[in-house]
Amino acid sequence: MSAVAERAPVASTPPRRQPRTVPRPAARVSWRHLLEYAAVRVAAGVLGALPLGVALRLGELGALVAWLVDRPHRRVGMRNLALAFPERPLAERRRILRRSFLNLGRMAAEIAHFPRLTPARTAAMVRFADEELWRRTMAEERPTGGLVLSGHFGNWELLVFAHGLRGYPVSLVHRPIANPLVDRWLAGLRARAGTRLIRKHHAAADVLRALRARELLVLPFDQNSTRGLGVFVDFFGVPASTNAGLARLALRTGAPVLPVFLVREGSRARHVAYQLPTIRVERTGDLEADVREATRRFSAVFEEMVRRHPEQWLWVHKRWKTRPAGEPRLY
C-alpha cells in the first residue's frame, strides 16, 4: 500500500497495540536449514549494502540464473500459463514467466533494503493511484476492521511494509516458511513496519480479535487450498480450490473486503497501489452458497488483476493442484 511522509489524522482508529507475533512452536533446525539461512543472509547483506538501483540489476541477474537452472519451477509456471492463457503463443507465455522471475529478483533486492527504508524513502517508492480514496477508507467509521484482498502479486511484502511505515500497521495471516531460521528473519523484517503475524494454524481467535479491534487484516488469497479448507471456483476458467476463509470471515463479521494490489512501474523501484471498489458480501441464509459466491467474486477480482499484469504474479505455485473428485491431476 502507499507510504507518504505526512500522516492524515484518523480519529476513528483505536490506538494500535504493540505488534505481537503469535509464537511458532519450536522446529528442529537441520544443517540444510543452516546452509539455506546463511545463503539468504549473505545475499541479503550484499543486496542491502548496494545502492538500490544496482541491487535491482543484481537481483535480476540472479533471477535470470534461476530461470535457466530451476527446471521444476519453470515447468510448473509454464503449465499454469498454458491453463490460464491457452490462446497465447508459447513464446509469449515463456516471456511472461521470465518476467515473473525477474519480478522476484527485484523483489528480493527491495526486501534486502527494508532495514534502511524510512517513511520518506518509501514515499518515493510507493504511491496510491487514488490517495483521497485511501484516506477516506482509513477514516471510515465502522464497527469492525477491514479484510484486505491481495496475494502473491507485485512486491507483496512491500505492500504491507509501506502501509505500516505510513502509520497503519496490518495483521498478516502467515503460513510459516519451511526453514524456521529464514521464517524468523523475515518476521523480524516485517516487524520493523509494525506488521503483526498471525500463524495460519492458530489464526481463528486472533483473527476475530484483530477485526474487533478494527485492524486491517491481510489474508493471502491466491494459493491452492487443500480439500476441506477451500471451495472450488473458477480461476481463468479452470476450477481451483480456493481458501474460503476470507469469505467466511466477511460473512461472520460484516467486515468490508478491500482489494489492494501493488503494481511495479517498469523495472524500477517505483510502485503504484491500486485500491479497487470495496466488496460487501451478501447473506441469503444459505451459508455454504454464500461462501462460494463471495469466493467466486473475490477470485474474479484477483484474476482480472493478473490478466492486466501477468508478469507480476507468482506463476511457479501449483495453483490448480487440488482437483475436484474424479478429475485427473494437472501437475
C-alpha atoms as a PDB file:
ATOM      1  CA  MET A   1       0.000   0.000   0.000  1.00  0.00           C
ATOM      2  CA  SER A   2       1.076   3.610  -0.097  1.00  0.00           C
ATOM      3  CA  ALA A   3       3.553   5.383   2.078  1.00  0.00           C
ATOM      4  CA  VAL A   4       3.960   9.172   2.466  1.00  0.00           C
ATOM      5  CA  ALA A   5       5.897  11.180   4.970  1.00  0.00           C
ATOM      6  CA  GLU A   6       2.826  13.010   6.275  1.00  0.00           C
ATOM      7  CA  ARG A   7       0.159  11.030   8.058  1.00  0.00           C
ATOM      8  CA  ALA A   8      -3.522  12.003   7.954  1.00  0.00           C
ATOM      9  CA  PRO A   9      -5.242  12.041  11.378  1.00  0.00           C
ATOM     10  CA  VAL A  10      -7.843   9.313  11.793  1.00  0.00           C
ATOM     11  CA  ALA A  11      -9.968   9.833  14.867  1.00  0.00           C
ATOM     12  CA  SER A  12     -11.959   6.660  14.367  1.00  0.00           C
ATOM     13  CA  THR A  13      -8.929   4.364  14.503  1.00  0.00           C
ATOM     14  CA  PRO A  14      -8.301   2.984  18.012  1.00  0.00           C
ATOM     15  CA  PRO A  15      -4.803   3.096  19.495  1.00  0.00           C
ATOM     16  CA  ARG A  16      -2.694   0.372  17.975  1.00  0.00           C
ATOM     17  CA  ARG A  17      -1.352  -2.124  20.477  1.00  0.00           C
ATOM     18  CA  GLN A  18       2.272  -3.156  20.248  1.00  0.00           C
ATOM     19  CA  PRO A  19       2.865  -5.589  17.396  1.00  0.00           C
ATOM     20  CA  ARG A  20       2.763  -9.158  18.593  1.00  0.00           C
ATOM     21  CA  THR A  21       3.599 -12.287  16.718  1.00  0.00           C
ATOM     22  CA  VAL A  22       1.907 -15.491  17.780  1.00  0.00           C
ATOM     23  CA  PRO A  23       4.796 -17.742  18.851  1.00  0.00           C
ATOM     24  CA  ARG A  24       5.704 -20.537  16.500  1.00  0.00           C
ATOM     25  CA  PRO A  25       6.306 -23.959  18.049  1.00  0.00           C
ATOM     26  CA  ALA A  26       9.986 -24.830  18.164  1.00  0.00           C
ATOM     27  CA  ALA A  27      11.114 -26.586  14.992  1.00  0.00           C
ATOM     28  CA  ARG A  28      14.178 -28.736  14.532  1.00  0.00           C
ATOM     29  CA  VAL A  29      16.953 -26.927  12.699  1.00  0.00           C
ATOM     30  CA  SER A  30      18.902 -29.091  10.259  1.00  0.00           C
ATOM     31  CA  TRP A  31      22.199 -28.497   8.514  1.00  0.00           C
ATOM     32  CA  ARG A  32      20.234 -27.777   5.360  1.00  0.00           C
ATOM     33  CA  HIS A  33      18.320 -25.063   7.203  1.00  0.00           C
ATOM     34  CA  LEU A  34      21.580 -23.544   8.389  1.00  0.00           C
ATOM     35  CA  LEU A  35      23.099 -23.535   4.910  1.00  0.00           C
ATOM     36  CA  GLU A  36      19.943 -22.047   3.339  1.00  0.00           C
ATOM     37  CA  TYR A  37      19.771 -19.387   6.028  1.00  0.00           C
ATOM     38  CA  ALA A  38      23.440 -18.492   5.575  1.00  0.00           C
ATOM     39  CA  ALA A  39      22.937 -18.158   1.819  1.00  0.00           C
ATOM     40  CA  VAL A  40      19.872 -15.938   2.304  1.00  0.00           C
ATOM     41  CA  ARG A  41      21.643 -13.685   4.800  1.00  0.00           C
ATOM     42  CA  VAL A  42      24.740 -13.332   2.617  1.00  0.00           C
ATOM     43  CA  ALA A  43      22.623 -12.491  -0.440  1.00  0.00           C
ATOM     44  CA  ALA A  44      20.510 -10.028   1.555  1.00  0.00           C
ATOM     45  CA  GLY A  45      23.626  -8.456   3.030  1.00  0.00           C
ATOM     46  CA  VAL A  46      25.197  -7.917  -0.388  1.00  0.00           C
ATOM     47  CA  LEU A  47      21.992  -6.556  -1.940  1.00  0.00           C
ATOM     48  CA  GLY A  48      21.263  -4.359   1.060  1.00  0.00           C
ATOM     49  CA  ALA A  49      24.749  -2.829   1.026  1.00  0.00           C
ATOM     50  CA  LEU A  50      24.489  -1.779  -2.620  1.00  0.00           C
ATOM     51  CA  PRO A  51      22.595   1.265  -3.887  1.00  0.00           C
ATOM     52  CA  LEU A  52      19.031   0.159  -4.579  1.00  0.00           C
ATOM     53  CA  GLY A  53      19.308   0.676  -8.341  1.00  0.00           C
ATOM     54  CA  VAL A  54      22.389  -1.529  -8.513  1.00  0.00           C
ATOM     55  CA  ALA A  55      20.766  -4.108  -6.215  1.00  0.00           C
ATOM     56  CA  LEU A  56      17.775  -4.314  -8.556  1.00  0.00           C
ATOM     57  CA  ARG A  57      20.013  -5.162 -11.503  1.00  0.00           C
ATOM     58  CA  LEU A  58      21.882  -7.759  -9.459  1.00  0.00           C
ATOM     59  CA  GLY A  59      18.558  -9.240  -8.325  1.00  0.00           C
ATOM     60  CA  GLU A  60      17.521  -9.509 -11.962  1.00  0.00           C
ATOM     61  CA  LEU A  61      20.754 -11.330 -12.772  1.00  0.00           C
ATOM     62  CA  GLY A  62      20.108 -13.846 -10.020  1.00  0.00           C
ATOM     63  CA  ALA A  63      16.549 -14.286 -11.276  1.00  0.00           C
ATOM     64  CA  LEU A  64      17.762 -14.998 -14.800  1.00  0.00           C
ATOM     65  CA  VAL A  65      20.112 -17.658 -13.457  1.00  0.00           C
ATOM     66  CA  ALA A  66      17.185 -19.199 -11.569  1.00  0.00           C
ATOM     67  CA  TRP A  67      15.106 -19.062 -14.753  1.00  0.00           C
ATOM     68  CA  LEU A  68      17.774 -21.018 -16.596  1.00  0.00           C
ATOM     69  CA  VAL A  69      18.558 -23.690 -13.981  1.00  0.00           C
ATOM     70  CA  ASP A  70      15.322 -24.157 -11.988  1.00  0.00           C
ATOM     71  CA  ARG A  71      13.582 -26.533 -14.363  1.00  0.00           C
ATOM     72  CA  PRO A  72      10.966 -27.845 -11.864  1.00  0.00           C
ATOM     73  CA  HIS A  73       9.563 -24.379 -11.123  1.00  0.00           C
ATOM     74  CA  ARG A  74       9.842 -23.367 -14.763  1.00  0.00           C
ATOM     75  CA  ARG A  75       7.810 -26.445 -15.686  1.00  0.00           C
ATOM     76  CA  VAL A  76       5.097 -25.565 -13.132  1.00  0.00           C
ATOM     77  CA  GLY A  77       4.982 -21.981 -14.370  1.00  0.00           C
ATOM     78  CA  MET A  78       4.604 -22.994 -17.990  1.00  0.00           C
ATOM     79  CA  ARG A  79       1.851 -25.459 -17.087  1.00  0.00           C
ATOM     80  CA  ASN A  80      -0.007 -22.722 -15.219  1.00  0.00           C
ATOM     81  CA  LEU A  81       0.348 -20.306 -18.111  1.00  0.00           C
ATOM     82  CA  ALA A  82      -0.959 -22.939 -20.536  1.00  0.00           C
ATOM     83  CA  LEU A  83      -4.026 -23.350 -18.322  1.00  0.00           C
ATOM     84  CA  ALA A  84      -4.576 -19.603 -17.934  1.00  0.00           C
ATOM     85  CA  PHE A  85      -3.708 -18.427 -21.464  1.00  0.00           C
ATOM     86  CA  PRO A  86      -4.162 -21.353 -23.874  1.00  0.00           C
ATOM     87  CA  GLU A  87      -4.800 -18.896 -26.707  1.00  0.00           C
ATOM     88  CA  ARG A  88      -1.427 -17.172 -26.362  1.00  0.00           C
ATOM     89  CA  PRO A  89       1.649 -18.348 -28.308  1.00  0.00           C
ATOM     90  CA  LEU A  90       4.210 -20.439 -26.456  1.00  0.00           C
ATOM     91  CA  ALA A  91       6.855 -17.726 -26.883  1.00  0.00           C
ATOM     92  CA  GLU A  92       4.608 -15.172 -25.185  1.00  0.00           C
ATOM     93  CA  ARG A  93       3.935 -17.498 -22.253  1.00  0.00           C
ATOM     94  CA  ARG A  94       7.683 -18.037 -21.865  1.00  0.00           C
ATOM     95  CA  ARG A  95       8.199 -14.276 -21.905  1.00  0.00           C
ATOM     96  CA  ILE A  96       5.600 -13.779 -19.152  1.00  0.00           C
ATOM     97  CA  LEU A  97       7.220 -16.404 -16.958  1.00  0.00           C
ATOM     98  CA  ARG A  98      10.704 -14.987 -17.472  1.00  0.00           C
ATOM     99  CA  ARG A  99       9.439 -11.547 -16.480  1.00  0.00           C
ATOM    100  CA  SER A 100       7.753 -13.078 -13.435  1.00  0.00           C
ATOM    101  CA  PHE A 101      11.151 -14.468 -12.384  1.00  0.00           C
ATOM    102  CA  LEU A 102      12.667 -11.005 -12.895  1.00  0.00           C
ATOM    103  CA  ASN A 103       9.977  -9.513 -10.671  1.00  0.00           C
ATOM    104  CA  LEU A 104      11.029 -11.927  -7.901  1.00  0.00           C
ATOM    105  CA  GLY A 105      14.656 -10.846  -8.303  1.00  0.00           C
ATOM    106  CA  ARG A 106      13.739  -7.175  -7.998  1.00  0.00           C
ATOM    107  CA  MET A 107      11.546  -8.005  -5.027  1.00  0.00           C
ATOM    108  CA  ALA A 108      14.488  -9.705  -3.276  1.00  0.00           C
ATOM    109  CA  ALA A 109      16.591  -6.574  -3.742  1.00  0.00           C
ATOM    110  CA  GLU A 110      13.878  -4.365  -2.261  1.00  0.00           C
ATOM    111  CA  ILE A 111      13.327  -6.659   0.734  1.00  0.00           C
ATOM    112  CA  ALA A 112      17.066  -6.559   1.414  1.00  0.00           C
ATOM    113  CA  HIS A 113      16.715  -2.778   1.722  1.00  0.00           C
ATOM    114  CA  PHE A 114      13.865  -2.905   4.262  1.00  0.00           C
ATOM    115  CA  PRO A 115      16.188  -2.167   7.231  1.00  0.00           C
ATOM    116  CA  ARG A 116      17.220   1.097   5.524  1.00  0.00           C
ATOM    117  CA  LEU A 117      13.759   2.230   4.446  1.00  0.00           C
ATOM    118  CA  THR A 118      12.275   5.279   6.142  1.00  0.00           C
ATOM    119  CA  PRO A 119       8.781   6.711   5.611  1.00  0.00           C
ATOM    120  CA  ALA A 120      10.286   9.360   3.338  1.00  0.00           C
ATOM    121  CA  ARG A 121      12.243   6.846   1.230  1.00  0.00           C
ATOM    122  CA  THR A 122       9.238   4.592   0.966  1.00  0.00           C
ATOM    123  CA  ALA A 123       7.101   7.540  -0.125  1.00  0.00           C
ATOM    124  CA  ALA A 124       9.362   7.879  -3.147  1.00  0.00           C
ATOM    125  CA  MET A 125       8.889   4.188  -3.978  1.00  0.00           C
ATOM    126  CA  VAL A 126       5.172   3.659  -3.371  1.00  0.00           C
ATOM    127  CA  ARG A 127       2.163   5.845  -4.102  1.00  0.00           C
ATOM    128  CA  PHE A 128      -1.586   5.305  -4.222  1.00  0.00           C
ATOM    129  CA  ALA A 129      -3.357   5.664  -7.542  1.00  0.00           C
ATOM    130  CA  ASP A 130      -6.168   7.392  -5.630  1.00  0.00           C
ATOM    131  CA  GLU A 131      -4.739   8.935  -2.465  1.00  0.00           C
ATOM    132  CA  GLU A 132      -8.026  10.530  -1.428  1.00  0.00           C
ATOM    133  CA  LEU A 133      -9.861   7.198  -1.626  1.00  0.00           C
ATOM    134  CA  TRP A 134      -7.246   5.648   0.679  1.00  0.00           C
ATOM    135  CA  ARG A 135      -7.620   8.490   3.203  1.00  0.00           C
ATOM    136  CA  ARG A 136     -11.410   8.101   3.224  1.00  0.00           C
ATOM    137  CA  THR A 137     -11.080   4.355   3.713  1.00  0.00           C
ATOM    138  CA  MET A 138      -8.731   4.778   6.669  1.00  0.00           C
ATOM    139  CA  ALA A 139     -11.016   7.404   8.242  1.00  0.00           C
ATOM    140  CA  GLU A 140     -14.246   5.459   7.735  1.00  0.00           C
ATOM    141  CA  GLU A 141     -16.297   4.787  10.854  1.00  0.00           C
ATOM    142  CA  ARG A 142     -17.150   1.092  11.056  1.00  0.00           C
ATOM    143  CA  PRO A 143     -17.809  -1.414  13.811  1.00  0.00           C
ATOM    144  CA  THR A 144     -15.183  -3.858  12.609  1.00  0.00           C
ATOM    145  CA  GLY A 145     -11.842  -3.916  10.849  1.00  0.00           C
ATOM    146  CA  GLY A 146     -11.210  -4.459   7.162  1.00  0.00           C
ATOM    147  CA  LEU A 147     -10.174  -7.543   5.205  1.00  0.00           C
ATOM    148  CA  VAL A 148      -7.548  -6.894   2.529  1.00  0.00           C
ATOM    149  CA  LEU A 149      -7.905  -8.996  -0.604  1.00  0.00           C
ATOM    150  CA  SER A 150      -4.449  -9.458  -2.077  1.00  0.00           C
ATOM    151  CA  GLY A 151      -1.873 -12.154  -2.661  1.00  0.00           C
ATOM    152  CA  HIS A 152       1.480 -13.000  -4.202  1.00  0.00           C
ATOM    153  CA  PHE A 153       1.349 -10.185  -6.702  1.00  0.00           C
ATOM    154  CA  GLY A 154       3.879  -7.441  -7.449  1.00  0.00           C
ATOM    155  CA  ASN A 155       6.049  -6.886  -4.385  1.00  0.00           C
ATOM    156  CA  TRP A 156       3.512  -8.126  -1.852  1.00  0.00           C
ATOM    157  CA  GLU A 157       5.960  -7.708   1.040  1.00  0.00           C
ATOM    158  CA  LEU A 158       6.472  -4.026   0.196  1.00  0.00           C
ATOM    159  CA  LEU A 159       2.693  -3.533   0.030  1.00  0.00           C
ATOM    160  CA  VAL A 160       2.371  -4.435   3.711  1.00  0.00           C
ATOM    161  CA  PHE A 161       5.662  -2.836   4.789  1.00  0.00           C
ATOM    162  CA  ALA A 162       4.927   0.539   3.205  1.00  0.00           C
ATOM    163  CA  HIS A 163       1.477   0.681   4.735  1.00  0.00           C
ATOM    164  CA  GLY A 164       2.965   0.075   8.177  1.00  0.00           C
ATOM    165  CA  LEU A 165       5.580   2.806   7.713  1.00  0.00           C
ATOM    166  CA  ARG A 166       2.764   5.161   6.901  1.00  0.00           C
ATOM    167  CA  GLY A 167       1.469   4.650  10.414  1.00  0.00           C
ATOM    168  CA  TYR A 168      -1.125   1.930   9.897  1.00  0.00           C
ATOM    169  CA  PRO A 169       0.434  -1.493  10.538  1.00  0.00           C
ATOM    170  CA  VAL A 170      -1.591  -4.507   9.494  1.00  0.00           C
ATOM    171  CA  SER A 171      -2.105  -8.006  10.834  1.00  0.00           C
ATOM    172  CA  LEU A 172      -0.995 -10.680   8.392  1.00  0.00           C
ATOM    173  CA  VAL A 173      -2.211 -14.277   8.415  1.00  0.00           C
ATOM    174  CA  HIS A 174       1.004 -16.106   7.714  1.00  0.00           C
ATOM    175  CA  ARG A 175       1.919 -19.643   6.699  1.00  0.00           C
ATOM    176  CA  PRO A 176       5.393 -20.237   8.163  1.00  0.00           C
ATOM    177  CA  ILE A 177       8.243 -20.845   5.742  1.00  0.00           C
ATOM    178  CA  ALA A 178       9.655 -24.377   5.872  1.00  0.00           C
ATOM    179  CA  ASN A 179      13.033 -23.089   7.051  1.00  0.00           C
ATOM    180  CA  PRO A 180      12.434 -21.787  10.607  1.00  0.00           C
ATOM    181  CA  LEU A 181      15.563 -19.632  10.551  1.00  0.00           C
ATOM    182  CA  VAL A 182      14.554 -17.829   7.365  1.00  0.00           C
ATOM    183  CA  ASP A 183      10.999 -17.555   8.690  1.00  0.00           C
ATOM    184  CA  ARG A 184      12.241 -15.875  11.890  1.00  0.00           C
ATOM    185  CA  TRP A 185      14.473 -13.487   9.931  1.00  0.00           C
ATOM    186  CA  LEU A 186      11.640 -12.457   7.596  1.00  0.00           C
ATOM    187  CA  ALA A 187       9.316 -11.972  10.574  1.00  0.00           C
ATOM    188  CA  GLY A 188      11.881  -9.580  12.044  1.00  0.00           C
ATOM    189  CA  LEU A 189      11.958  -7.549   8.837  1.00  0.00           C
ATOM    190  CA  ARG A 190       8.182  -7.350   8.770  1.00  0.00           C
ATOM    191  CA  ALA A 191       8.087  -6.250  12.410  1.00  0.00           C
ATOM    192  CA  ARG A 192      10.152  -3.157  11.518  1.00  0.00           C
ATOM    193  CA  ALA A 193       6.981  -1.748   9.972  1.00  0.00           C
ATOM    194  CA  GLY A 194       4.765  -2.952  12.851  1.00  0.00           C
ATOM    195  CA  THR A 195       3.308  -5.914  10.957  1.00  0.00           C
ATOM    196  CA  ARG A 196       1.773  -8.417  13.357  1.00  0.00           C
ATOM    197  CA  LEU A 197       1.933 -12.015  12.200  1.00  0.00           C
ATOM    198  CA  ILE A 198      -0.882 -14.434  12.923  1.00  0.00           C
ATOM    199  CA  ARG A 199       0.227 -18.000  12.306  1.00  0.00           C
ATOM    200  CA  LYS A 200      -2.204 -19.701   9.964  1.00  0.00           C
ATOM    201  CA  HIS A 201      -2.656 -22.798  12.119  1.00  0.00           C
ATOM    202  CA  HIS A 202      -3.511 -20.708  15.202  1.00  0.00           C
ATOM    203  CA  ALA A 203      -5.491 -17.993  13.432  1.00  0.00           C
ATOM    204  CA  ALA A 204      -9.173 -18.156  14.422  1.00  0.00           C
ATOM    205  CA  ALA A 205      -9.206 -16.368  17.794  1.00  0.00           C
ATOM    206  CA  ASP A 206      -6.539 -13.806  16.853  1.00  0.00           C
ATOM    207  CA  VAL A 207      -8.209 -13.010  13.545  1.00  0.00           C
ATOM    208  CA  LEU A 208     -11.526 -12.255  15.233  1.00  0.00           C
ATOM    209  CA  ARG A 209      -9.739 -10.241  17.919  1.00  0.00           C
ATOM    210  CA  ALA A 210      -7.982  -8.164  15.260  1.00  0.00           C
ATOM    211  CA  LEU A 211     -11.243  -7.428  13.454  1.00  0.00           C
ATOM    212  CA  ARG A 212     -12.970  -6.455  16.705  1.00  0.00           C
ATOM    213  CA  ALA A 213     -10.078  -4.029  17.290  1.00  0.00           C
ATOM    214  CA  ARG A 214     -10.813  -2.535  13.852  1.00  0.00           C
ATOM    215  CA  GLU A 215      -7.476  -3.549  12.394  1.00  0.00           C
ATOM    216  CA  LEU A 216      -6.663  -4.214   8.767  1.00  0.00           C
ATOM    217  CA  LEU A 217      -6.216  -7.928   8.238  1.00  0.00           C
ATOM    218  CA  VAL A 218      -4.382  -9.358   5.222  1.00  0.00           C
ATOM    219  CA  LEU A 219      -5.148 -12.938   4.179  1.00  0.00           C
ATOM    220  CA  PRO A 220      -3.232 -14.073   1.067  1.00  0.00           C
ATOM    221  CA  PHE A 221      -5.937 -15.369  -1.230  1.00  0.00           C
ATOM    222  CA  ASP A 222      -4.240 -16.793  -4.289  1.00  0.00           C
ATOM    223  CA  GLN A 223      -2.729 -20.146  -3.326  1.00  0.00           C
ATOM    224  CA  ASN A 224      -4.059 -23.672  -3.645  1.00  0.00           C
ATOM    225  CA  SER A 225      -6.175 -24.794  -0.709  1.00  0.00           C
ATOM    226  CA  THR A 226      -6.347 -28.400   0.406  1.00  0.00           C
ATOM    227  CA  ARG A 227      -9.625 -30.276   0.129  1.00  0.00           C
ATOM    228  CA  GLY A 228     -11.939 -29.425   3.010  1.00  0.00           C
ATOM    229  CA  LEU A 229     -10.464 -25.962   3.621  1.00  0.00           C
ATOM    230  CA  GLY A 230     -11.331 -24.451   0.271  1.00  0.00           C
ATOM    231  CA  VAL A 231     -14.149 -24.265  -2.237  1.00  0.00           C
ATOM    232  CA  PHE A 232     -13.868 -24.769  -5.975  1.00  0.00           C
ATOM    233  CA  VAL A 233     -14.403 -21.626  -8.026  1.00  0.00           C
ATOM    234  CA  ASP A 234     -13.176 -20.804 -11.489  1.00  0.00           C
ATOM    235  CA  PHE A 235      -9.800 -19.127 -11.883  1.00  0.00           C
ATOM    236  CA  PHE A 236      -9.032 -18.434 -15.545  1.00  0.00           C
ATOM    237  CA  GLY A 237     -11.925 -20.744 -16.384  1.00  0.00           C
ATOM    238  CA  VAL A 238     -10.426 -23.744 -14.534  1.00  0.00           C
ATOM    239  CA  PRO A 239     -11.879 -24.888 -11.169  1.00  0.00           C
ATOM    240  CA  ALA A 240      -9.363 -24.003  -8.444  1.00  0.00           C
ATOM    241  CA  SER A 241      -9.558 -24.976  -4.780  1.00  0.00           C
ATOM    242  CA  THR A 242      -9.613 -21.541  -3.140  1.00  0.00           C
ATOM    243  CA  ASN A 243      -9.329 -20.635   0.527  1.00  0.00           C
ATOM    244  CA  ALA A 244     -12.811 -19.847   1.828  1.00  0.00           C
ATOM    245  CA  GLY A 245     -11.546 -18.164   5.000  1.00  0.00           C
ATOM    246  CA  LEU A 246     -11.848 -14.643   3.612  1.00  0.00           C
ATOM    247  CA  ALA A 247     -15.485 -15.196   2.637  1.00  0.00           C
ATOM    248  CA  ARG A 248     -16.383 -16.858   5.949  1.00  0.00           C
ATOM    249  CA  LEU A 249     -14.840 -14.013   7.935  1.00  0.00           C
ATOM    250  CA  ALA A 250     -16.608 -11.377   5.867  1.00  0.00           C
ATOM    251  CA  LEU A 251     -19.952 -13.160   6.268  1.00  0.00           C
ATOM    252  CA  ARG A 252     -19.474 -13.723  10.001  1.00  0.00           C
ATOM    253  CA  THR A 253     -18.258 -10.242  10.952  1.00  0.00           C
ATOM    254  CA  GLY A 254     -19.651  -7.984   8.245  1.00  0.00           C
ATOM    255  CA  ALA A 255     -16.141  -6.644   7.618  1.00  0.00           C
ATOM    256  CA  PRO A 256     -15.648  -4.964   4.235  1.00  0.00           C
ATOM    257  CA  VAL A 257     -13.275  -6.601   1.763  1.00  0.00           C
ATOM    258  CA  LEU A 258     -10.740  -4.162   0.327  1.00  0.00           C
ATOM    259  CA  PRO A 259      -8.972  -5.337  -2.861  1.00  0.00           C
ATOM    260  CA  VAL A 260      -5.496  -3.747  -2.966  1.00  0.00           C
ATOM    261  CA  PHE A 261      -2.686  -4.572  -5.402  1.00  0.00           C
ATOM    262  CA  LEU A 262       0.803  -3.123  -5.734  1.00  0.00           C
ATOM    263  CA  VAL A 263       1.888  -2.795  -9.367  1.00  0.00           C
ATOM    264  CA  ARG A 264       5.512  -2.157 -10.298  1.00  0.00           C
ATOM    265  CA  GLU A 265       6.166   0.515 -12.915  1.00  0.00           C
ATOM    266  CA  GLY A 266       8.692  -0.888 -15.378  1.00  0.00           C
ATOM    267  CA  SER A 267      11.842  -2.338 -13.842  1.00  0.00           C
ATOM    268  CA  ARG A 268      12.463   0.421 -11.293  1.00  0.00           C
ATOM    269  CA  ALA A 269      11.758   0.604  -7.574  1.00  0.00           C
ATOM    270  CA  ARG A 270       8.571   2.536  -8.283  1.00  0.00           C
ATOM    271  CA  HIS A 271       5.156   1.117  -7.480  1.00  0.00           C
ATOM    272  CA  VAL A 272       1.510   2.161  -7.609  1.00  0.00           C
ATOM    273  CA  ALA A 273      -1.063   0.770  -5.163  1.00  0.00           C
ATOM    274  CA  TYR A 274      -4.471   0.272  -6.728  1.00  0.00           C
ATOM    275  CA  GLN A 275      -7.389   0.144  -4.322  1.00  0.00           C
ATOM    276  CA  LEU A 276     -10.353  -1.373  -6.159  1.00  0.00           C
ATOM    277  CA  PRO A 277     -14.009  -0.910  -5.131  1.00  0.00           C
ATOM    278  CA  THR A 278     -14.856  -2.317  -1.711  1.00  0.00           C
ATOM    279  CA  ILE A 279     -16.689  -5.650  -1.810  1.00  0.00           C
ATOM    280  CA  ARG A 280     -19.613  -6.260   0.554  1.00  0.00           C
ATOM    281  CA  VAL A 281     -20.701  -9.860   0.832  1.00  0.00           C
ATOM    282  CA  GLU A 282     -24.375 -10.819   0.739  1.00  0.00           C
ATOM    283  CA  ARG A 283     -26.210 -13.187   3.104  1.00  0.00           C
ATOM    284  CA  THR A 284     -29.088 -15.241   1.726  1.00  0.00           C
ATOM    285  CA  GLY A 285     -29.484 -17.681   4.613  1.00  0.00           C
ATOM    286  CA  ASP A 286     -27.611 -20.446   2.797  1.00  0.00           C
ATOM    287  CA  LEU A 287     -24.133 -20.151   4.333  1.00  0.00           C
ATOM    288  CA  GLU A 288     -22.305 -22.535   2.016  1.00  0.00           C
ATOM    289  CA  ALA A 289     -23.815 -20.966  -1.083  1.00  0.00           C
ATOM    290  CA  ASP A 290     -22.919 -17.507   0.243  1.00  0.00           C
ATOM    291  CA  VAL A 291     -19.331 -18.585   0.923  1.00  0.00           C
ATOM    292  CA  ARG A 292     -18.984 -19.992  -2.583  1.00  0.00           C
ATOM    293  CA  GLU A 293     -20.461 -16.891  -4.236  1.00  0.00           C
ATOM    294  CA  ALA A 294     -18.283 -14.489  -2.222  1.00  0.00           C
ATOM    295  CA  THR A 295     -15.178 -16.545  -3.003  1.00  0.00           C
ATOM    296  CA  ARG A 296     -16.126 -16.552  -6.691  1.00  0.00           C
ATOM    297  CA  ARG A 297     -16.370 -12.744  -6.641  1.00  0.00           C
ATOM    298  CA  PHE A 298     -13.004 -12.387  -4.903  1.00  0.00           C
ATOM    299  CA  SER A 299     -11.389 -14.768  -7.367  1.00  0.00           C
ATOM    300  CA  ALA A 300     -12.768 -12.813 -10.331  1.00  0.00           C
ATOM    301  CA  VAL A 301     -11.221  -9.596  -8.987  1.00  0.00           C
ATOM    302  CA  PHE A 302      -7.860 -11.290  -8.489  1.00  0.00           C
ATOM    303  CA  GLU A 303      -7.972 -12.871 -11.945  1.00  0.00           C
ATOM    304  CA  GLU A 304      -8.641  -9.516 -13.576  1.00  0.00           C
ATOM    305  CA  MET A 305      -5.524  -8.012 -11.976  1.00  0.00           C
ATOM    306  CA  VAL A 306      -3.410 -10.975 -13.112  1.00  0.00           C
ATOM    307  CA  ARG A 307      -4.788 -10.607 -16.638  1.00  0.00           C
ATOM    308  CA  ARG A 308      -3.757  -6.952 -16.665  1.00  0.00           C
ATOM    309  CA  HIS A 309      -0.282  -7.583 -15.261  1.00  0.00           C
ATOM    310  CA  PRO A 310       0.524 -11.282 -15.746  1.00  0.00           C
ATOM    311  CA  GLU A 311       4.267 -10.798 -15.278  1.00  0.00           C
ATOM    312  CA  GLN A 312       3.688  -9.664 -11.683  1.00  0.00           C
ATOM    313  CA  TRP A 313       2.036 -12.816 -10.375  1.00  0.00           C
ATOM    314  CA  LEU A 314       3.768 -15.852  -8.818  1.00  0.00           C
ATOM    315  CA  TRP A 315       3.225 -18.413 -11.589  1.00  0.00           C
ATOM    316  CA  VAL A 316       5.521 -21.076 -10.087  1.00  0.00           C
ATOM    317  CA  HIS A 317       2.998 -22.104  -7.404  1.00  0.00           C
ATOM    318  CA  LYS A 318       0.825 -25.174  -8.145  1.00  0.00           C
ATOM    319  CA  ARG A 319      -2.380 -23.153  -8.091  1.00  0.00           C
ATOM    320  CA  TRP A 320      -4.562 -25.943  -9.536  1.00  0.00           C
ATOM    321  CA  LYS A 321      -3.013 -28.816  -7.554  1.00  0.00           C
ATOM    322  CA  THR A 322      -6.160 -29.908  -5.678  1.00  0.00           C
ATOM    323  CA  ARG A 323      -8.765 -31.207  -8.114  1.00  0.00           C
ATOM    324  CA  PRO A 324     -12.480 -31.877  -7.850  1.00  0.00           C
ATOM    325  CA  ALA A 325     -13.332 -35.501  -7.176  1.00  0.00           C
ATOM    326  CA  GLY A 326     -12.737 -37.663 -10.235  1.00  0.00           C
ATOM    327  CA  GLU A 327     -10.658 -35.114 -12.158  1.00  0.00           C
ATOM    328  CA  PRO A 328      -7.098 -36.004 -13.210  1.00  0.00           C
ATOM    329  CA  ARG A 329      -4.034 -34.299 -11.762  1.00  0.00           C
ATOM    330  CA  LEU A 330      -2.734 -31.278 -13.644  1.00  0.00           C
ATOM    331  CA  TYR A 331       0.898 -31.466 -12.489  1.00  0.00           C
END
